Protein backbone atom coordinates (compact mmCIF):
# COMPACT_ATOMS: atom_id res chain seq x y z
CA MET A 1 -0.55 -43.56 7.69
CA GLU A 2 -4.60 -43.61 8.20
CA VAL A 3 -6.27 -42.84 5.00
CA THR A 4 -9.82 -42.01 3.92
CA MET A 5 -11.30 -41.49 0.93
CA SER A 6 -12.54 -37.94 0.18
CA ALA A 7 -16.31 -37.22 0.17
CA LEU A 8 -16.32 -37.48 -3.53
CA ASN A 9 -14.21 -40.72 -3.62
CA GLU A 10 -11.71 -39.06 -5.92
CA PHE A 11 -8.67 -39.91 -4.11
CA PRO A 12 -7.14 -40.92 -0.71
CA MET A 13 -7.44 -38.13 1.93
CA PRO A 14 -4.38 -38.63 4.28
CA ALA A 15 -4.93 -38.12 8.14
CA PRO A 16 -3.27 -35.15 9.97
CA GLU A 17 0.12 -36.27 11.17
CA ALA A 18 2.86 -34.49 12.95
CA PRO A 19 5.16 -32.16 10.65
CA ASP A 20 8.54 -33.87 9.27
CA LEU A 21 10.99 -31.81 10.88
CA ALA A 22 13.68 -32.87 8.20
CA ILE A 23 11.43 -30.51 5.94
CA ASP A 24 12.43 -26.82 5.98
CA PRO A 25 9.03 -25.03 6.57
CA ALA A 26 10.23 -22.12 4.87
CA GLU A 27 9.73 -23.91 1.61
CA GLY A 28 6.31 -24.59 2.54
CA ILE A 29 4.02 -27.62 1.92
CA ALA A 30 1.92 -28.71 -0.94
CA PHE A 31 -1.28 -30.89 -1.49
CA ILE A 32 -1.33 -32.45 -4.78
CA ASP A 33 -2.19 -35.82 -6.24
CA GLY A 34 -4.01 -36.30 -2.99
CA ASP A 35 -1.02 -36.29 -0.73
CA TYR A 36 0.90 -33.72 1.06
CA ARG A 37 4.66 -32.91 0.10
CA PRO A 38 7.29 -30.30 0.13
CA LEU A 39 6.26 -27.32 -2.01
CA ARG A 40 9.59 -27.78 -4.14
CA ASP A 41 8.23 -31.42 -5.07
CA ALA A 42 4.85 -30.23 -6.24
CA LYS A 43 4.70 -30.71 -10.08
CA ILE A 44 2.24 -30.60 -12.74
CA SER A 45 2.18 -32.26 -16.16
CA VAL A 46 3.38 -29.83 -19.06
CA LEU A 47 0.29 -31.03 -21.03
CA ASP A 48 -2.08 -29.85 -18.37
CA PHE A 49 -4.45 -27.37 -19.93
CA GLY A 50 -3.84 -24.95 -16.91
CA PHE A 51 -0.03 -24.67 -18.14
CA MET A 52 -0.60 -24.99 -21.81
CA ARG A 53 -3.56 -22.66 -22.12
CA SER A 54 -3.86 -20.94 -18.93
CA ASP A 55 -7.22 -22.62 -18.17
CA CYS A 56 -7.41 -22.71 -14.38
CA THR A 57 -8.51 -20.43 -11.30
CA PHE A 58 -6.89 -20.05 -8.18
CA ASP A 59 -7.07 -17.98 -4.93
CA THR A 60 -4.74 -16.65 -2.41
CA VAL A 61 -5.59 -16.48 1.49
CA LYS A 62 -3.41 -14.69 4.19
CA VAL A 63 -2.43 -16.34 7.39
CA TRP A 64 -1.28 -13.91 9.81
CA ASP A 65 0.31 -14.65 13.17
CA GLY A 66 -1.40 -18.18 12.92
CA ARG A 67 -4.87 -17.11 12.02
CA PHE A 68 -6.53 -17.30 8.62
CA PHE A 69 -7.90 -13.76 7.60
CA CYS A 70 -11.39 -13.85 6.04
CA LEU A 71 -11.03 -17.41 5.16
CA GLY A 72 -14.65 -17.74 4.33
CA ARG A 73 -14.94 -15.15 1.61
CA HIS A 74 -11.84 -16.69 -0.25
CA ILE A 75 -13.22 -20.12 -0.11
CA ASP A 76 -16.63 -18.82 -1.52
CA ARG A 77 -14.94 -17.01 -4.31
CA PHE A 78 -12.66 -20.00 -5.35
CA LEU A 79 -15.89 -22.18 -5.49
CA THR A 80 -17.74 -19.80 -7.33
CA SER A 81 -14.79 -19.39 -10.09
CA CYS A 82 -14.43 -23.08 -10.35
CA GLU A 83 -18.29 -23.38 -11.04
CA THR A 84 -18.29 -20.48 -13.62
CA LEU A 85 -15.44 -22.07 -15.47
CA ARG A 86 -17.02 -25.55 -15.34
CA LEU A 87 -14.33 -27.08 -13.33
CA GLU A 88 -15.48 -29.80 -10.87
CA LEU A 89 -13.60 -29.99 -7.86
CA PRO A 90 -12.48 -33.38 -6.49
CA VAL A 91 -13.08 -32.17 -2.84
CA THR A 92 -16.04 -30.93 -1.05
CA ARG A 93 -15.93 -27.35 0.44
CA ASP A 94 -15.40 -28.68 3.98
CA GLU A 95 -12.43 -30.90 2.77
CA LEU A 96 -11.13 -27.94 0.71
CA ILE A 97 -11.26 -25.92 4.15
CA ASP A 98 -9.32 -28.82 5.77
CA ILE A 99 -6.43 -28.90 3.26
CA HIS A 100 -5.87 -25.25 3.98
CA PHE A 101 -5.38 -25.74 7.55
CA GLU A 102 -3.30 -28.91 7.06
CA CYS A 103 -1.08 -27.20 4.64
CA VAL A 104 -0.30 -24.63 6.91
CA ARG A 105 -0.13 -26.96 10.13
CA ARG A 106 2.63 -29.19 8.39
CA SER A 107 4.44 -26.13 7.10
CA GLY A 108 4.38 -24.52 10.61
CA LEU A 109 4.36 -21.18 9.01
CA GLN A 110 2.70 -18.34 11.35
CA ARG A 111 2.76 -15.96 8.44
CA ALA A 112 1.79 -17.75 5.22
CA LEU A 113 -0.06 -17.30 1.84
CA VAL A 114 -2.18 -20.37 0.93
CA LYS A 115 -3.15 -20.89 -2.87
CA PRO A 116 -5.79 -23.39 -3.82
CA ILE A 117 -5.60 -24.02 -7.84
CA CYS A 118 -7.90 -25.93 -10.24
CA THR A 119 -6.67 -26.33 -13.61
CA ARG A 120 -8.43 -28.08 -16.67
CA GLY A 121 -6.13 -31.02 -16.26
CA MET A 122 -4.96 -33.23 -19.09
CA ALA A 123 -7.45 -34.30 -21.89
CA VAL A 124 -7.40 -37.87 -23.51
CA PRO A 125 -4.27 -38.29 -25.94
CA GLY A 126 -4.93 -36.57 -29.16
CA SER A 127 -7.86 -34.45 -27.94
CA ARG A 128 -7.97 -30.61 -27.41
CA ASP A 129 -11.51 -30.61 -26.33
CA PRO A 130 -11.56 -29.08 -22.67
CA ARG A 131 -14.66 -31.75 -21.97
CA ASP A 132 -12.28 -34.64 -22.17
CA ALA A 133 -10.01 -33.22 -19.64
CA THR A 134 -9.96 -34.00 -15.79
CA PRO A 135 -9.71 -31.12 -13.55
CA ASN A 136 -6.76 -31.20 -11.69
CA PHE A 137 -6.78 -29.51 -7.91
CA PHE A 138 -3.80 -28.61 -5.72
CA ALA A 139 -2.90 -26.20 -3.24
CA TYR A 140 -0.12 -25.07 -1.06
CA ALA A 141 1.29 -22.84 1.93
CA GLN A 142 4.34 -20.86 1.34
CA PRO A 143 5.91 -17.87 3.35
CA TYR A 144 4.12 -14.69 3.34
CA SER A 145 5.42 -11.84 1.17
CA ASP A 146 3.76 -8.70 0.02
CA THR A 147 2.50 -7.94 -3.48
CA ILE A 148 4.54 -4.63 -2.95
CA LYS A 149 8.08 -4.70 -0.95
CA LYS A 150 7.85 -3.28 2.37
CA GLU A 151 10.36 -0.84 2.01
CA VAL A 152 8.34 0.61 -1.24
CA GLN A 153 5.24 0.73 0.77
CA ASP A 154 6.85 2.60 3.42
CA ARG A 155 7.94 5.23 1.11
CA GLY A 156 4.83 5.01 -1.03
CA LEU A 157 4.84 3.67 -4.65
CA ASN A 158 5.54 5.39 -7.91
CA MET A 159 2.72 3.93 -10.07
CA ILE A 160 2.90 4.13 -13.82
CA ILE A 161 -0.35 4.33 -16.02
CA ALA A 162 0.30 2.03 -18.73
CA SER A 163 -0.20 2.62 -22.36
CA VAL A 164 -1.21 -1.08 -22.67
CA PRO A 165 -4.92 -1.45 -22.04
CA ARG A 166 -6.30 -4.22 -19.88
CA ILE A 167 -7.75 -7.21 -21.42
CA SER A 168 -11.54 -6.41 -22.16
CA PRO A 169 -14.14 -7.86 -19.56
CA ASP A 170 -16.37 -8.92 -22.41
CA SER A 171 -13.42 -11.32 -23.44
CA VAL A 172 -12.02 -12.91 -20.16
CA ASN A 173 -14.09 -12.28 -17.12
CA PRO A 174 -11.86 -10.34 -14.39
CA LYS A 175 -14.19 -11.50 -11.60
CA ILE A 176 -12.62 -14.78 -11.87
CA LYS A 177 -9.10 -14.99 -10.74
CA ASN A 178 -6.94 -16.13 -13.48
CA TYR A 179 -3.46 -16.39 -14.66
CA ASN A 180 -4.29 -14.45 -18.13
CA ARG A 181 -1.68 -11.68 -17.44
CA LEU A 182 0.11 -11.01 -20.50
CA ASP A 183 -1.37 -7.54 -20.54
CA PHE A 184 -0.12 -6.99 -17.01
CA VAL A 185 3.41 -8.43 -18.01
CA ALA A 186 3.63 -5.99 -20.71
CA GLY A 187 2.41 -3.07 -18.59
CA LEU A 188 5.12 -4.20 -15.89
CA PHE A 189 7.98 -4.05 -18.23
CA GLU A 190 6.60 -0.48 -19.35
CA ALA A 191 6.56 0.63 -15.92
CA TYR A 192 10.06 -0.74 -15.06
CA ASP A 193 11.43 0.99 -18.11
CA ARG A 194 9.91 4.52 -16.93
CA GLY A 195 11.33 4.01 -13.56
CA GLY A 196 8.19 2.95 -11.77
CA ASP A 197 7.56 0.51 -8.99
CA ASN A 198 4.13 -1.02 -10.59
CA VAL A 199 1.44 -0.27 -12.92
CA LEU A 200 -2.26 0.22 -13.35
CA LEU A 201 -3.77 -0.61 -16.75
CA PRO A 202 -6.53 1.46 -18.31
CA ASP A 203 -9.47 0.17 -20.48
CA GLU A 204 -9.90 1.06 -24.01
CA ASP A 205 -11.78 4.17 -22.79
CA GLY A 206 -9.10 5.32 -20.64
CA ASN A 207 -10.34 4.59 -17.35
CA ILE A 208 -8.36 2.98 -14.71
CA THR A 209 -8.79 -0.77 -14.00
CA GLU A 210 -6.56 -2.39 -11.85
CA GLY A 211 -2.90 -3.61 -11.41
CA PRO A 212 -1.43 -7.12 -11.28
CA GLY A 213 -2.88 -8.50 -8.12
CA PHE A 214 -4.39 -5.40 -6.56
CA ASN A 215 -7.43 -2.75 -6.82
CA VAL A 216 -7.36 0.93 -6.79
CA PHE A 217 -8.98 3.35 -4.62
CA ILE A 218 -8.84 7.40 -4.97
CA ILE A 219 -9.70 9.82 -2.41
CA LYS A 220 -11.10 13.32 -3.37
CA ASP A 221 -12.73 15.65 -0.87
CA GLY A 222 -12.97 13.10 1.73
CA GLU A 223 -14.73 10.42 -0.51
CA ALA A 224 -13.38 7.06 -1.85
CA THR A 225 -13.95 5.94 -5.34
CA THR A 226 -12.80 2.61 -6.92
CA PRO A 227 -13.40 1.61 -10.63
CA HIS A 228 -16.65 -0.23 -11.38
CA ARG A 229 -15.59 -2.49 -14.29
CA GLY A 230 -12.84 -4.27 -15.83
CA MET A 231 -11.20 -5.57 -12.76
CA LEU A 232 -11.36 -8.33 -10.10
CA GLU A 233 -13.53 -7.52 -7.35
CA GLY A 234 -11.01 -8.07 -4.82
CA ILE A 235 -11.81 -9.50 -1.18
CA THR A 236 -9.56 -6.52 0.23
CA ARG A 237 -11.53 -4.37 -1.92
CA GLN A 238 -14.55 -5.58 -0.43
CA ILE A 239 -13.30 -5.09 2.98
CA THR A 240 -12.38 -1.72 2.35
CA PHE A 241 -15.87 -0.87 1.85
CA THR A 242 -16.54 -2.04 5.41
CA LEU A 243 -13.84 -0.36 6.88
CA CYS A 244 -14.87 2.97 5.16
CA GLU A 245 -18.16 2.59 6.29
CA GLU A 246 -16.80 1.92 9.85
CA LEU A 247 -14.74 5.34 9.51
CA GLN A 248 -17.67 7.31 8.05
CA ILE A 249 -15.69 7.71 4.57
CA LYS A 250 -18.20 7.68 1.93
CA THR A 251 -17.53 5.26 -1.05
CA HIS A 252 -18.48 5.14 -4.73
CA VAL A 253 -18.17 2.45 -7.31
CA ALA A 254 -17.68 4.65 -10.55
CA PRO A 255 -15.63 5.09 -13.60
CA VAL A 256 -12.22 6.45 -12.67
CA PRO A 257 -10.63 8.45 -15.67
CA THR A 258 -6.80 8.85 -15.51
CA VAL A 259 -7.34 12.58 -14.95
CA ASP A 260 -9.32 11.91 -11.68
CA LEU A 261 -6.47 9.65 -10.76
CA LEU A 262 -3.89 12.31 -11.36
CA ALA A 263 -6.28 14.95 -9.40
CA ALA A 264 -6.81 12.78 -6.32
CA ASP A 265 -5.97 14.11 -3.02
CA GLU A 266 -4.85 10.34 -2.10
CA VAL A 267 -4.44 6.97 -4.09
CA PHE A 268 -4.08 3.50 -2.38
CA ILE A 269 -4.28 -0.11 -3.56
CA THR A 270 -5.46 -3.09 -1.94
CA SER A 271 -4.30 -6.92 -1.83
CA THR A 272 -4.54 -9.53 0.21
CA ALA A 273 -0.73 -9.75 0.08
CA GLY A 274 -0.14 -6.27 1.63
CA GLY A 275 -3.55 -5.00 2.54
CA ILE A 276 -3.76 -1.15 1.97
CA MET A 277 -0.88 0.42 0.48
CA PRO A 278 -0.40 4.21 -0.50
CA ILE A 279 0.57 5.32 -3.79
CA THR A 280 2.77 8.73 -3.71
CA MET A 281 3.84 9.34 -7.04
CA ILE A 282 2.27 8.66 -10.41
CA ASP A 283 4.02 8.36 -13.74
CA GLY A 284 7.13 9.85 -11.69
CA GLU A 285 5.36 12.95 -10.18
CA PRO A 286 4.60 13.44 -6.86
CA LEU A 287 0.70 12.96 -5.76
CA GLN A 288 -0.27 15.98 -3.45
CA SER A 289 2.45 16.21 -0.55
CA GLY A 290 4.21 13.16 -1.79
CA LYS A 291 3.55 11.41 1.28
CA PRO A 292 0.66 8.82 2.15
CA GLY A 293 -2.51 10.54 3.05
CA PRO A 294 -4.48 10.72 6.44
CA LYS A 295 -7.51 8.92 5.03
CA THR A 296 -5.14 6.12 3.60
CA GLU A 297 -3.42 5.69 6.97
CA GLN A 298 -6.69 5.68 8.90
CA ILE A 299 -7.87 2.90 6.71
CA GLN A 300 -4.66 1.22 6.84
CA ASP A 301 -4.47 0.83 10.62
CA LEU A 302 -8.08 -0.18 10.83
CA TYR A 303 -7.31 -3.03 8.22
CA TRP A 304 -4.46 -4.40 10.48
CA SER A 305 -6.43 -4.19 13.63
CA LYS A 306 -9.11 -6.47 12.19
CA HIS A 307 -6.25 -9.31 11.88
CA GLU A 308 -6.71 -9.92 15.75
CA ASP A 309 -10.43 -9.67 15.67
CA PRO A 310 -12.00 -13.13 16.31
CA GLU A 311 -14.81 -12.03 13.95
CA TRP A 312 -12.43 -11.67 10.95
CA THR A 313 -9.82 -14.40 11.76
CA THR A 314 -9.93 -18.31 12.19
CA SER A 315 -7.33 -19.64 14.36
CA ILE A 316 -4.89 -22.70 13.31
CA ASP A 317 -4.28 -25.50 15.76
CA TYR A 318 -0.62 -26.17 15.27
């Protein structure tokens, strides 16, 4: 196999090769330790600070019918997250993009989620100093799955507002995708115990922030509002602003108190894995008609139409 070094001379960069037909593509393909392998064989050390301390960042990119959706936005956010956390990637931006493509190509998946991850890595023996660690980069493509199951999306979600507050943005910057999610885990258990499908966490002032892997919008009197603080500024959230502008729906970024959520005409959540997803019940009570609202459906239809638009997508050469 032909091998070249990465532009940063960190590790060999394998040349593209035909997929191994003995590998089940449904399992996915990973790039780790400078090579490609079946996802089931991708492993990191238990001593990696990413595992020990959740000291890492990641992103999630969608592949839909053989095309990346908004790839550049995800790459830019991942690089910004790494820079903010002082994680030095061992690959360049172009190599990072090539790895995304190659993971998908080798898997053969037409619909996939691709995750680049960079952890703090392992420190020298005996040290707990993050400056002594060497960042560890890996990425993988796996079969596409929605944040919320399709059958739940079709009927609309029963969303629970948790009593657990979101981690303060003054402690952990939510604009960086991270795995500091024990607040979400506690909220999810509370939601399941109360018969809900998923959860939204408030901040300590009672304003809604986000859920595990998604942002939230409310529609009131024909206008859309999304929380202003305490949440990841998701790619699909950003896309929704563009879609609303195209549909001539006015948008606001402002505090969303719990009472406003309960009084909304429509509520929907946004995520790379699922897109625009309606909420029809909150805390077990129907929201308005108890069905997905007309504005939500407009935005949802326009969102999925963009997956066929060359200006929004990048084709993969299998």
